[in-house]
Structure formats: structure tokens, C-alpha cells
Amino acid sequence: MKPLVTLYTRAGCCLCDDARRVLAEAGRRADFDYEERDIDCDPELLRQYNEQVPVIAIDGVKAFKYRVDGAEFLKKLRARR
């Protein structure tokens, strides 16, 4: 079963755009499912992540906030298997 990577984001977030690019590049090197969740559309997500976006979770576990390094992301992704 492929790991699920979730990007918690919001509109107008330049760090979120950077994270999206890193995850797209990683997607060419590793196989994982991907979803984006806009925290401003869900009161609970807004409460959890308001000051932290972007947040990247792997299989529901927070792996990164603010910035993500591609090599470190791939390392954490492999560790989840």
C-alpha cells in the first residue's frame, strides 16, 4: 500500500507553493498518494495548523512544517514502509 502524503495549505501561501514543488519533484522519484487540504475550509484544521502552514504529513503523521527538504522527505517516506 502506498503512503499517503498530505499537504496542509492555504491560498496565497508562498511557502506552500515551495512545498508543492518539492513534493512534485519527489513524486517523480517515489510512489505515494497525494492530497492537499486547505486549512481555511475546515475549522478543526485551522485550529491545528493556523500558524504552521505548510504542514506535510505522511500517513497522518506530521513530518514537516514551514519548509521541506526533498532528500529528507524521501528518507522519511522510505522509513514509513
Protein backbone atom coordinates (compact mmCIF):
# COMPACT_ATOMS: atom_id res chain seq x y z
CA MET A 1 0.00 0.00 0.00
CA LYS A 2 1.35 3.42 -0.98
CA PRO A 3 1.94 6.01 1.72
CA LEU A 4 -0.43 8.98 1.79
CA VAL A 5 1.22 12.39 1.77
CA THR A 6 -0.99 15.29 2.83
CA LEU A 7 -0.10 18.93 2.29
CA TYR A 8 -1.99 21.22 4.64
CA THR A 9 -2.07 24.56 2.89
CA ARG A 10 -3.93 27.82 2.35
CA ALA A 11 -4.40 30.21 -0.55
CA GLY A 12 -1.66 32.80 -1.06
CA CYS A 13 0.99 30.88 0.89
CA CYS A 14 4.37 31.12 -0.89
CA LEU A 15 5.94 28.50 1.40
CA CYS A 16 3.07 26.20 0.40
CA ASP A 17 3.98 26.75 -3.26
CA ASP A 18 7.59 25.80 -2.47
CA ALA A 19 6.45 22.66 -0.63
CA ARG A 20 4.18 21.73 -3.55
CA ARG A 21 7.18 21.93 -5.94
CA VAL A 22 9.35 19.77 -3.66
CA LEU A 23 6.59 17.15 -3.39
CA ALA A 24 6.01 17.17 -7.16
CA GLU A 25 9.71 16.52 -7.74
CA ALA A 26 9.71 13.77 -5.10
CA GLY A 27 6.72 12.22 -6.88
CA ARG A 28 8.96 11.57 -9.87
CA ARG A 29 11.31 9.56 -7.63
CA ALA A 30 8.94 7.78 -5.25
CA ASP A 31 5.45 6.32 -5.40
CA PHE A 32 2.95 7.83 -2.97
CA ASP A 33 -0.62 9.06 -2.91
CA TYR A 34 -1.01 12.82 -2.53
CA GLU A 35 -3.72 15.11 -1.27
CA GLU A 36 -3.99 18.77 -0.41
CA ARG A 37 -6.19 20.14 2.36
CA ASP A 38 -6.98 23.86 2.60
CA ILE A 39 -6.98 24.58 6.33
CA ASP A 40 -9.22 27.63 5.88
CA CYS A 41 -12.07 25.35 4.76
CA ASP A 42 -12.11 23.28 7.95
CA PRO A 43 -12.37 24.87 11.43
CA GLU A 44 -10.52 21.98 13.11
CA LEU A 45 -7.62 22.10 10.63
CA LEU A 46 -7.49 25.88 11.01
CA ARG A 47 -7.26 25.46 14.79
CA GLN A 48 -4.48 22.87 14.47
CA TYR A 49 -2.34 24.41 11.75
CA ASN A 50 -3.15 28.14 11.51
CA GLU A 51 0.37 29.37 12.31
CA GLN A 52 2.24 26.37 10.87
CA VAL A 53 1.41 26.03 7.15
CA PRO A 54 2.58 24.40 5.14
CA VAL A 55 2.46 21.16 7.06
CA ILE A 56 3.32 17.88 5.34
CA ALA A 57 2.05 14.67 6.90
CA ILE A 58 2.96 11.13 5.86
CA ASP A 59 0.24 8.62 6.68
CA GLY A 60 -1.33 11.10 9.08
CA VAL A 61 1.87 11.86 11.00
CA LYS A 62 3.30 15.39 10.79
CA ALA A 63 6.69 15.16 9.08
CA PHE A 64 7.46 18.80 8.17
CA LYS A 65 6.19 22.31 8.78
CA TYR A 66 7.15 25.55 7.02
CA ARG A 67 9.86 24.06 4.78
CA VAL A 68 10.54 20.63 3.35
CA ASP A 69 13.83 19.28 2.02
CA GLY A 70 13.40 16.84 -0.86
CA ALA A 71 16.10 14.39 0.26
CA GLU A 72 14.84 14.40 3.84
CA PHE A 73 11.26 13.91 2.63
CA LEU A 74 12.27 10.85 0.59
CA LYS A 75 14.18 9.47 3.58
CA LYS A 76 11.13 9.84 5.85
CA LEU A 77 8.89 8.39 3.16
CA ARG A 78 11.07 5.27 2.88
CA ALA A 79 11.11 4.91 6.68
CA ARG A 80 7.28 4.67 6.66
CA ARG A 81 7.32 1.49 4.58
